[in-house]
């Protein structure tokens, strides 16, 4: 499912000049959750990463299974976290 969400977002990242890297292990275990809800969550995170990452930046997506724990990590070179940290420190 994550691959499908990422595939739909590739044109938006390309248009923004942002590199989208994916490191998704094959055959990840299924989780007991609403696919529609998870898709919305991932779309929101990716849209946010696209909105707050400057052209020339990058977004990395990792999904892997480790010791029976499924990990999905999305990181970006955007400014949003710095803005939030600045607002909370004022």
PDB file of N, CA and C in Angstrom:
ATOM      1  N   UNK A   1       0.811  -1.188   0.000  1.00  0.00           N
ATOM      2  CA  UNK A   1       0.000   0.000   0.000  1.00  0.00           C
ATOM      3  C   UNK A   1       0.861   1.262   0.000  1.00  0.00           C
ATOM      4  N   UNK A   2       1.936   1.255   0.770  1.00  0.00           N
ATOM      5  CA  UNK A   2       2.809   2.428   0.824  1.00  0.00           C
ATOM      6  C   UNK A   2       3.419   2.707  -0.546  1.00  0.00           C
ATOM      7  N   UNK A   3       3.794   1.637  -1.258  1.00  0.00           N
ATOM      8  CA  UNK A   3       4.325   1.826  -2.617  1.00  0.00           C
ATOM      9  C   UNK A   3       3.318   2.514  -3.524  1.00  0.00           C
ATOM     10  N   UNK A   4       2.039   2.166  -3.400  1.00  0.00           N
ATOM     11  CA  UNK A   4       0.995   2.792  -4.217  1.00  0.00           C
ATOM     12  C   UNK A   4       0.865   4.278  -3.897  1.00  0.00           C
ATOM     13  N   UNK A   5       0.897   4.616  -2.622  1.00  0.00           N
ATOM     14  CA  UNK A   5       0.794   6.016  -2.200  1.00  0.00           C
ATOM     15  C   UNK A   5       1.985   6.803  -2.738  1.00  0.00           C
ATOM     16  N   UNK A   6       3.174   6.239  -2.588  1.00  0.00           N
ATOM     17  CA  UNK A   6       4.385   6.912  -3.059  1.00  0.00           C
ATOM     18  C   UNK A   6       4.325   7.108  -4.572  1.00  0.00           C
ATOM     19  N   UNK A   7       3.904   6.085  -5.296  1.00  0.00           N
ATOM     20  CA  UNK A   7       3.825   6.181  -6.761  1.00  0.00           C
ATOM     21  C   UNK A   7       2.915   7.318  -7.208  1.00  0.00           C
ATOM     22  N   UNK A   8       1.819   7.507  -6.497  1.00  0.00           N
ATOM     23  CA  UNK A   8       0.888   8.592  -6.843  1.00  0.00           C
ATOM     24  C   UNK A   8       1.508   9.967  -6.593  1.00  0.00           C
ATOM     25  N   UNK A   9       2.461  10.050  -5.669  1.00  0.00           N
ATOM     26  CA  UNK A   9       3.047  11.332  -5.290  1.00  0.00           C
ATOM     27  C   UNK A   9       4.283  11.712  -6.103  1.00  0.00           C
ATOM     28  N   UNK A  10       4.869  10.774  -6.826  1.00  0.00           N
ATOM     29  CA  UNK A  10       6.105  11.036  -7.574  1.00  0.00           C
ATOM     30  C   UNK A  10       5.991  12.264  -8.477  1.00  0.00           C
ATOM     31  N   UNK A  11       4.925  12.426  -9.266  1.00  0.00           N
ATOM     32  CA  UNK A  11       4.853  13.615 -10.136  1.00  0.00           C
ATOM     33  C   UNK A  11       4.904  14.936  -9.368  1.00  0.00           C
ATOM     34  N   UNK A  12       4.306  14.990  -8.193  1.00  0.00           N
ATOM     35  CA  UNK A  12       4.299  16.214  -7.394  1.00  0.00           C
ATOM     36  C   UNK A  12       5.704  16.560  -6.894  1.00  0.00           C
ATOM     37  N   UNK A  13       6.440  15.533  -6.486  1.00  0.00           N
ATOM     38  CA  UNK A  13       7.806  15.758  -6.026  1.00  0.00           C
ATOM     39  C   UNK A  13       8.703  16.169  -7.193  1.00  0.00           C
ATOM     40  N   UNK A  14       8.548  15.514  -8.320  1.00  0.00           N
ATOM     41  CA  UNK A  14       9.340  15.880  -9.502  1.00  0.00           C
ATOM     42  C   UNK A  14       9.059  17.321  -9.908  1.00  0.00           C
ATOM     43  N   UNK A  15       7.795  17.691  -9.907  1.00  0.00           N
ATOM     44  CA  UNK A  15       7.399  19.051 -10.266  1.00  0.00           C
ATOM     45  C   UNK A  15       7.981  20.080  -9.299  1.00  0.00           C
ATOM     46  N   UNK A  16       8.179  19.690  -8.046  1.00  0.00           N
ATOM     47  CA  UNK A  16       8.718  20.591  -7.027  1.00  0.00           C
ATOM     48  C   UNK A  16      10.244  20.574  -6.990  1.00  0.00           C
ATOM     49  N   UNK A  17      10.872  19.711  -7.784  1.00  0.00           N
ATOM     50  CA  UNK A  17      12.326  19.614  -7.785  1.00  0.00           C
ATOM     51  C   UNK A  17      12.881  18.927  -6.551  1.00  0.00           C
ATOM     52  N   UNK A  18      12.097  18.037  -5.969  1.00  0.00           N
ATOM     53  CA  UNK A  18      12.484  17.329  -4.743  1.00  0.00           C
ATOM     54  C   UNK A  18      12.756  15.866  -5.078  1.00  0.00           C
ATOM     55  N   UNK A  19      13.866  15.359  -4.582  1.00  0.00           N
ATOM     56  CA  UNK A  19      14.213  13.954  -4.789  1.00  0.00           C
ATOM     57  C   UNK A  19      13.453  13.104  -3.776  1.00  0.00           C
ATOM     58  N   UNK A  20      12.800  12.071  -4.280  1.00  0.00           N
ATOM     59  CA  UNK A  20      12.039  11.155  -3.428  1.00  0.00           C
ATOM     60  C   UNK A  20      12.733   9.796  -3.462  1.00  0.00           C
ATOM     61  N   UNK A  21      13.305   9.395  -2.339  1.00  0.00           N
ATOM     62  CA  UNK A  21      14.013   8.115  -2.228  1.00  0.00           C
ATOM     63  C   UNK A  21      13.174   7.144  -1.418  1.00  0.00           C
ATOM     64  N   UNK A  22      13.077   5.908  -1.906  1.00  0.00           N
ATOM     65  CA  UNK A  22      12.319   4.902  -1.155  1.00  0.00           C
ATOM     66  C   UNK A  22      13.214   3.702  -0.853  1.00  0.00           C
ATOM     67  N   UNK A  23      13.094   3.229   0.365  1.00  0.00           N
ATOM     68  CA  UNK A  23      13.799   2.044   0.829  1.00  0.00           C
ATOM     69  C   UNK A  23      12.758   1.167   1.521  1.00  0.00           C
ATOM     70  N   UNK A  24      11.973   0.477   0.722  1.00  0.00           N
ATOM     71  CA  UNK A  24      10.861  -0.319   1.247  1.00  0.00           C
ATOM     72  C   UNK A  24      11.168  -1.792   1.026  1.00  0.00           C
ATOM     73  N   UNK A  25      11.294  -2.533   2.122  1.00  0.00           N
ATOM     74  CA  UNK A  25      11.569  -3.963   2.027  1.00  0.00           C
ATOM     75  C   UNK A  25      10.392  -4.679   1.370  1.00  0.00           C
ATOM     76  N   UNK A  26      10.686  -5.673   0.559  1.00  0.00           N
ATOM     77  CA  UNK A  26       9.588  -6.465  -0.028  1.00  0.00           C
ATOM     78  C   UNK A  26       8.966  -7.380   1.023  1.00  0.00           C
ATOM     79  N   UNK A  27       7.742  -7.762   0.771  1.00  0.00           N
ATOM     80  CA  UNK A  27       7.036  -8.745   1.610  1.00  0.00           C
ATOM     81  C   UNK A  27       6.932  -8.341   3.077  1.00  0.00           C
ATOM     82  N   UNK A  28       6.625  -7.088   3.321  1.00  0.00           N
ATOM     83  CA  UNK A  28       6.408  -6.645   4.701  1.00  0.00           C
ATOM     84  C   UNK A  28       5.119  -7.256   5.233  1.00  0.00           C
ATOM     85  N   UNK A  29       5.054  -7.515   6.527  1.00  0.00           N
ATOM     86  CA  UNK A  29       3.830  -8.099   7.089  1.00  0.00           C
ATOM     87  C   UNK A  29       2.667  -7.104   7.026  1.00  0.00           C
ATOM     88  N   UNK A  30       1.476  -7.646   6.943  1.00  0.00           N
ATOM     89  CA  UNK A  30       0.277  -6.820   6.966  1.00  0.00           C
ATOM     90  C   UNK A  30       0.006  -6.365   8.393  1.00  0.00           C
ATOM     91  N   UNK A  31      -0.607  -5.201   8.497  1.00  0.00           N
ATOM     92  CA  UNK A  31      -1.007  -4.729   9.826  1.00  0.00           C
ATOM     93  C   UNK A  31      -2.525  -4.619   9.865  1.00  0.00           C
ATOM     94  N   UNK A  32      -3.065  -4.752  11.038  1.00  0.00           N
ATOM     95  CA  UNK A  32      -4.506  -4.712  11.227  1.00  0.00           C
ATOM     96  C   UNK A  32      -4.946  -3.257  11.410  1.00  0.00           C
ATOM     97  N   UNK A  33      -5.237  -2.602  10.280  1.00  0.00           N
ATOM     98  CA  UNK A  33      -5.655  -1.194  10.306  1.00  0.00           C
ATOM     99  C   UNK A  33      -6.439  -0.909   9.034  1.00  0.00           C
ATOM    100  N   UNK A  34      -7.152   0.177   9.056  1.00  0.00           N
ATOM    101  CA  UNK A  34      -7.937   0.584   7.900  1.00  0.00           C
ATOM    102  C   UNK A  34      -7.010   1.056   6.781  1.00  0.00           C
ATOM    103  N   UNK A  35      -7.033   0.400   5.622  1.00  0.00           N
ATOM    104  CA  UNK A  35      -6.184   0.832   4.504  1.00  0.00           C
ATOM    105  C   UNK A  35      -6.480   2.266   4.071  1.00  0.00           C
ATOM    106  N   UNK A  36      -7.744   2.650   4.115  1.00  0.00           N
ATOM    107  CA  UNK A  36      -8.111   4.007   3.722  1.00  0.00           C
ATOM    108  C   UNK A  36      -7.526   5.041   4.680  1.00  0.00           C
ATOM    109  N   UNK A  37      -7.570   4.735   5.957  1.00  0.00           N
ATOM    110  CA  UNK A  37      -7.023   5.641   6.963  1.00  0.00           C
ATOM    111  C   UNK A  37      -5.506   5.747   6.822  1.00  0.00           C
ATOM    112  N   UNK A  38      -4.844   4.613   6.677  1.00  0.00           N
ATOM    113  CA  UNK A  38      -3.388   4.628   6.515  1.00  0.00           C
ATOM    114  C   UNK A  38      -2.980   5.392   5.260  1.00  0.00           C
ATOM    115  N   UNK A  39      -3.725   5.209   4.187  1.00  0.00           N
ATOM    116  CA  UNK A  39      -3.423   5.950   2.961  1.00  0.00           C
ATOM    117  C   UNK A  39      -3.534   7.450   3.199  1.00  0.00           C
ATOM    118  N   UNK A  40      -4.561   7.875   3.895  1.00  0.00           N
ATOM    119  CA  UNK A  40      -4.740   9.294   4.206  1.00  0.00           C
ATOM    120  C   UNK A  40      -3.585   9.822   5.068  1.00  0.00           C
ATOM    121  N   UNK A  41      -3.164   9.030   6.033  1.00  0.00           N
ATOM    122  CA  UNK A  41      -2.060   9.436   6.906  1.00  0.00           C
ATOM    123  C   UNK A  41      -0.793   9.619   6.084  1.00  0.00           C
ATOM    124  N   UNK A  42      -0.459   8.633   5.254  1.00  0.00           N
ATOM    125  CA  UNK A  42       0.760   8.725   4.448  1.00  0.00           C
ATOM    126  C   UNK A  42       0.671   9.851   3.425  1.00  0.00           C
ATOM    127  N   UNK A  43      -0.493  10.038   2.817  1.00  0.00           N
ATOM    128  CA  UNK A  43      -0.663  11.149   1.876  1.00  0.00           C
ATOM    129  C   UNK A  43      -0.447  12.488   2.567  1.00  0.00           C
ATOM    130  N   UNK A  44      -0.995  12.628   3.755  1.00  0.00           N
ATOM    131  CA  UNK A  44      -0.834  13.877   4.511  1.00  0.00           C
ATOM    132  C   UNK A  44       0.645  14.137   4.830  1.00  0.00           C
ATOM    133  N   UNK A  45       1.336  13.118   5.288  1.00  0.00           N
ATOM    134  CA  UNK A  45       2.751  13.272   5.623  1.00  0.00           C
ATOM    135  C   UNK A  45       3.562  13.626   4.379  1.00  0.00           C
ATOM    136  N   UNK A  46       3.304  12.940   3.274  1.00  0.00           N
ATOM    137  CA  UNK A  46       4.054  13.222   2.046  1.00  0.00           C
ATOM    138  C   UNK A  46       3.719  14.603   1.483  1.00  0.00           C
ATOM    139  N   UNK A  47       2.450  14.986   1.537  1.00  0.00           N
ATOM    140  CA  UNK A  47       2.082  16.339   1.088  1.00  0.00           C
ATOM    141  C   UNK A  47       2.774  17.395   1.942  1.00  0.00           C
ATOM    142  N   UNK A  48       2.822  17.153   3.230  1.00  0.00           N
ATOM    143  CA  UNK A  48       3.490  18.072   4.146  1.00  0.00           C
ATOM    144  C   UNK A  48       4.987  18.159   3.823  1.00  0.00           C
ATOM    145  N   UNK A  49       5.606  17.025   3.581  1.00  0.00           N
ATOM    146  CA  UNK A  49       7.030  17.003   3.229  1.00  0.00           C
ATOM    147  C   UNK A  49       7.266  17.765   1.930  1.00  0.00           C
ATOM    148  N   UNK A  50       6.375  17.596   0.961  1.00  0.00           N
ATOM    149  CA  UNK A  50       6.499  18.295  -0.315  1.00  0.00           C
ATOM    150  C   UNK A  50       6.321  19.800  -0.129  1.00  0.00           C
ATOM    151  N   UNK A  51       5.370  20.194   0.688  1.00  0.00           N
ATOM    152  CA  UNK A  51       5.088  21.616   0.903  1.00  0.00           C
ATOM    153  C   UNK A  51       6.225  22.344   1.610  1.00  0.00           C
ATOM    154  N   UNK A  52       6.918  21.671   2.524  1.00  0.00           N
ATOM    155  CA  UNK A  52       7.908  22.338   3.360  1.00  0.00           C
ATOM    156  C   UNK A  52       9.351  22.000   3.006  1.00  0.00           C
ATOM    157  N   UNK A  53       9.549  21.302   1.888  1.00  0.00           N
ATOM    158  CA  UNK A  53      10.899  21.004   1.421  1.00  0.00           C
ATOM    159  C   UNK A  53      11.166  21.839   0.184  1.00  0.00           C
ATOM    160  N   UNK A  54      12.280  22.537   0.196  1.00  0.00           N
ATOM    161  CA  UNK A  54      12.628  23.403  -0.924  1.00  0.00           C
ATOM    162  C   UNK A  54      13.095  22.590  -2.123  1.00  0.00           C
ATOM    163  N   UNK A  55      12.988  23.201  -3.290  1.00  0.00           N
ATOM    164  CA  UNK A  55      13.515  22.588  -4.503  1.00  0.00           C
ATOM    165  C   UNK A  55      14.983  22.249  -4.281  1.00  0.00           C
ATOM    166  N   UNK A  56      15.382  21.067  -4.698  1.00  0.00           N
ATOM    167  CA  UNK A  56      16.742  20.597  -4.462  1.00  0.00           C
ATOM    168  C   UNK A  56      16.860  19.766  -3.208  1.00  0.00           C
ATOM    169  N   UNK A  57      15.800  19.729  -2.387  1.00  0.00           N
ATOM    170  CA  UNK A  57      15.803  18.933  -1.160  1.00  0.00           C
ATOM    171  C   UNK A  57      15.449  17.489  -1.450  1.00  0.00           C
ATOM    172  N   UNK A  58      15.313  16.727  -0.384  1.00  0.00           N
ATOM    173  CA  UNK A  58      14.962  15.322  -0.578  1.00  0.00           C
ATOM    174  C   UNK A  58      14.064  14.807   0.541  1.00  0.00           C
ATOM    175  N   UNK A  59      13.306  13.786   0.186  1.00  0.00           N
ATOM    176  CA  UNK A  59      12.441  13.077   1.123  1.00  0.00           C
ATOM    177  C   UNK A  59      12.824  11.605   1.038  1.00  0.00           C
ATOM    178  N   UNK A  60      13.061  10.991   2.185  1.00  0.00           N
ATOM    179  CA  UNK A  60      13.430   9.581   2.259  1.00  0.00           C
ATOM    180  C   UNK A  60      12.334   8.804   2.971  1.00  0.00           C
ATOM    181  N   UNK A  61      11.961   7.677   2.386  1.00  0.00           N
ATOM    182  CA  UNK A  61      10.924   6.821   2.964  1.00  0.00           C
ATOM    183  C   UNK A  61      11.521   5.441   3.210  1.00  0.00           C
ATOM    184  N   UNK A  62      11.437   4.999   4.450  1.00  0.00           N
ATOM    185  CA  UNK A  62      11.949   3.691   4.832  1.00  0.00           C
ATOM    186  C   UNK A  62      10.794   2.862   5.396  1.00  0.00           C
ATOM    187  N   UNK A  63      10.751   1.610   5.020  1.00  0.00           N
ATOM    188  CA  UNK A  63       9.789   0.677   5.609  1.00  0.00           C
ATOM    189  C   UNK A  63      10.495  -0.666   5.745  1.00  0.00           C
ATOM    190  N   UNK A  64      10.533  -1.164   6.975  1.00  0.00           N
ATOM    191  CA  UNK A  64      11.242  -2.415   7.208  1.00  0.00           C
ATOM    192  C   UNK A  64      10.679  -3.108   8.443  1.00  0.00           C
ATOM    193  N   UNK A  65      10.930  -4.396   8.502  1.00  0.00           N
ATOM    194  CA  UNK A  65      10.504  -5.232   9.620  1.00  0.00           C
ATOM    195  C   UNK A  65      11.745  -5.570  10.438  1.00  0.00           C
ATOM    196  N   UNK A  66      11.669  -5.323  11.744  1.00  0.00           N
ATOM    197  CA  UNK A  66      12.804  -5.599  12.614  1.00  0.00           C
ATOM    198  C   UNK A  66      12.286  -6.197  13.911  1.00  0.00           C
ATOM    199  N   UNK A  67      12.672  -7.419  14.171  1.00  0.00           N
ATOM    200  CA  UNK A  67      12.269  -8.110  15.385  1.00  0.00           C
ATOM    201  C   UNK A  67      10.755  -8.057  15.597  1.00  0.00           C
ATOM    202  N   UNK A  68      10.024  -8.387  14.551  1.00  0.00           N
ATOM    203  CA  UNK A  68       8.560  -8.420  14.568  1.00  0.00           C
ATOM    204  C   UNK A  68       7.917  -7.054  14.807  1.00  0.00           C
ATOM    205  N   UNK A  69       8.643  -5.993  14.533  1.00  0.00           N
ATOM    206  CA  UNK A  69       8.096  -4.638  14.593  1.00  0.00           C
ATOM    207  C   UNK A  69       8.211  -4.012  13.212  1.00  0.00           C
ATOM    208  N   UNK A  70       7.116  -3.486  12.722  1.00  0.00           N
ATOM    209  CA  UNK A  70       7.099  -2.841  11.417  1.00  0.00           C
ATOM    210  C   UNK A  70       7.428  -1.363  11.600  1.00  0.00           C
ATOM    211  N   UNK A  71       8.438  -0.908  10.903  1.00  0.00           N
ATOM    212  CA  UNK A  71       8.873   0.486  10.990  1.00  0.00           C
ATOM    213  C   UNK A  71       8.621   1.184   9.656  1.00  0.00           C
ATOM    214  N   UNK A  72       8.028   2.355   9.722  1.00  0.00           N
ATOM    215  CA  UNK A  72       7.861   3.208   8.546  1.00  0.00           C
ATOM    216  C   UNK A  72       8.353   4.587   8.948  1.00  0.00           C
ATOM    217  N   UNK A  73       9.391   5.043   8.267  1.00  0.00           N
ATOM    218  CA  UNK A  73      10.030   6.306   8.604  1.00  0.00           C
ATOM    219  C   UNK A  73      10.027   7.194   7.376  1.00  0.00           C
ATOM    220  N   UNK A  74       9.575   8.410   7.534  1.00  0.00           N
ATOM    221  CA  UNK A  74       9.603   9.394   6.460  1.00  0.00           C
ATOM    222  C   UNK A  74      10.364  10.598   6.983  1.00  0.00           C
ATOM    223  N   UNK A  75      11.464  10.929   6.313  1.00  0.00           N
ATOM    224  CA  UNK A  75      12.252  12.083   6.730  1.00  0.00           C
ATOM    225  C   UNK A  75      12.424  13.019   5.541  1.00  0.00           C
ATOM    226  N   UNK A  76      12.591  14.300   5.839  1.00  0.00           N
ATOM    227  CA  UNK A  76      12.780  15.274   4.773  1.00  0.00           C
ATOM    228  C   UNK A  76      13.766  16.342   5.199  1.00  0.00           C
ATOM    229  N   UNK A  77      14.180  17.137   4.233  1.00  0.00           N
ATOM    230  CA  UNK A  77      15.117  18.223   4.508  1.00  0.00           C
ATOM    231  C   UNK A  77      14.383  19.553   4.607  1.00  0.00           C
ATOM    232  N   UNK A  78      13.093  19.489   4.880  1.00  0.00           N
ATOM    233  CA  UNK A  78      12.271  20.691   4.961  1.00  0.00           C
ATOM    234  C   UNK A  78      12.461  21.468   6.244  1.00  0.00           C
ATOM    235  N   UNK A  79      11.764  22.589   6.325  1.00  0.00           N
ATOM    236  CA  UNK A  79      11.918  23.517   7.436  1.00  0.00           C
ATOM    237  C   UNK A  79      10.865  23.383   8.519  1.00  0.00           C
ATOM    238  N   UNK A  80       9.854  22.602   8.312  1.00  0.00           N
ATOM    239  CA  UNK A  80       8.720  22.606   9.229  1.00  0.00           C
ATOM    240  C   UNK A  80       9.126  22.336  10.669  1.00  0.00           C
ATOM    241  N   UNK A  81       9.956  21.336  10.910  1.00  0.00           N
ATOM    242  CA  UNK A  81      10.329  21.033  12.294  1.00  0.00           C
ATOM    243  C   UNK A  81      11.071  22.186  12.928  1.00  0.00           C
ATOM    244  N   UNK A  82      11.933  22.852  12.166  1.00  0.00           N
ATOM    245  CA  UNK A  82      12.634  23.996  12.717  1.00  0.00           C
ATOM    246  C   UNK A  82      11.667  25.122  13.049  1.00  0.00           C
ATOM    247  N   UNK A  83      10.655  25.308  12.215  1.00  0.00           N
ATOM    248  CA  UNK A  83       9.656  26.343  12.471  1.00  0.00           C
ATOM    249  C   UNK A  83       8.869  26.008  13.734  1.00  0.00           C
ATOM    250  N   UNK A  84       8.452  24.762  13.872  1.00  0.00           N
ATOM    251  CA  UNK A  84       7.700  24.343  15.060  1.00  0.00           C
ATOM    252  C   UNK A  84       8.566  24.495  16.301  1.00  0.00           C
ATOM    253  N   UNK A  85       9.831  24.078  16.229  1.00  0.00           N
ATOM    254  CA  UNK A  85      10.727  24.197  17.376  1.00  0.00           C
ATOM    255  C   UNK A  85      10.935  25.673  17.741  1.00  0.00           C
ATOM    256  N   UNK A  86      11.058  26.537  16.746  1.00  0.00           N
ATOM    257  CA  UNK A  86      11.241  27.951  17.004  1.00  0.00           C
ATOM    258  C   UNK A  86      10.004  28.522  17.680  1.00  0.00           C
ATOM    259  N   UNK A  87       8.823  28.159  17.196  1.00  0.00           N
ATOM    260  CA  UNK A  87       7.588  28.672  17.798  1.00  0.00           C
ATOM    261  C   UNK A  87       7.445  28.224  19.248  1.00  0.00           C
ATOM    262  N   UNK A  88       7.813  26.985  19.540  1.00  0.00           N
ATOM    263  CA  UNK A  88       7.642  26.486  20.902  1.00  0.00           C
ATOM    264  C   UNK A  88       8.696  27.028  21.846  1.00  0.00           C
ATOM    265  N   UNK A  89       9.824  27.516  21.312  1.00  0.00           N
ATOM    266  CA  UNK A  89      10.852  28.042  22.197  1.00  0.00           C
ATOM    267  C   UNK A  89      10.675  29.545  22.461  1.00  0.00           C
ATOM    268  N   UNK A  90       9.748  30.191  21.773  1.00  0.00           N
ATOM    269  CA  UNK A  90       9.531  31.638  21.980  1.00  0.00           C
ATOM    270  C   UNK A  90       8.691  31.906  23.217  1.00  0.00           C
TER     271      UNK A  90
END
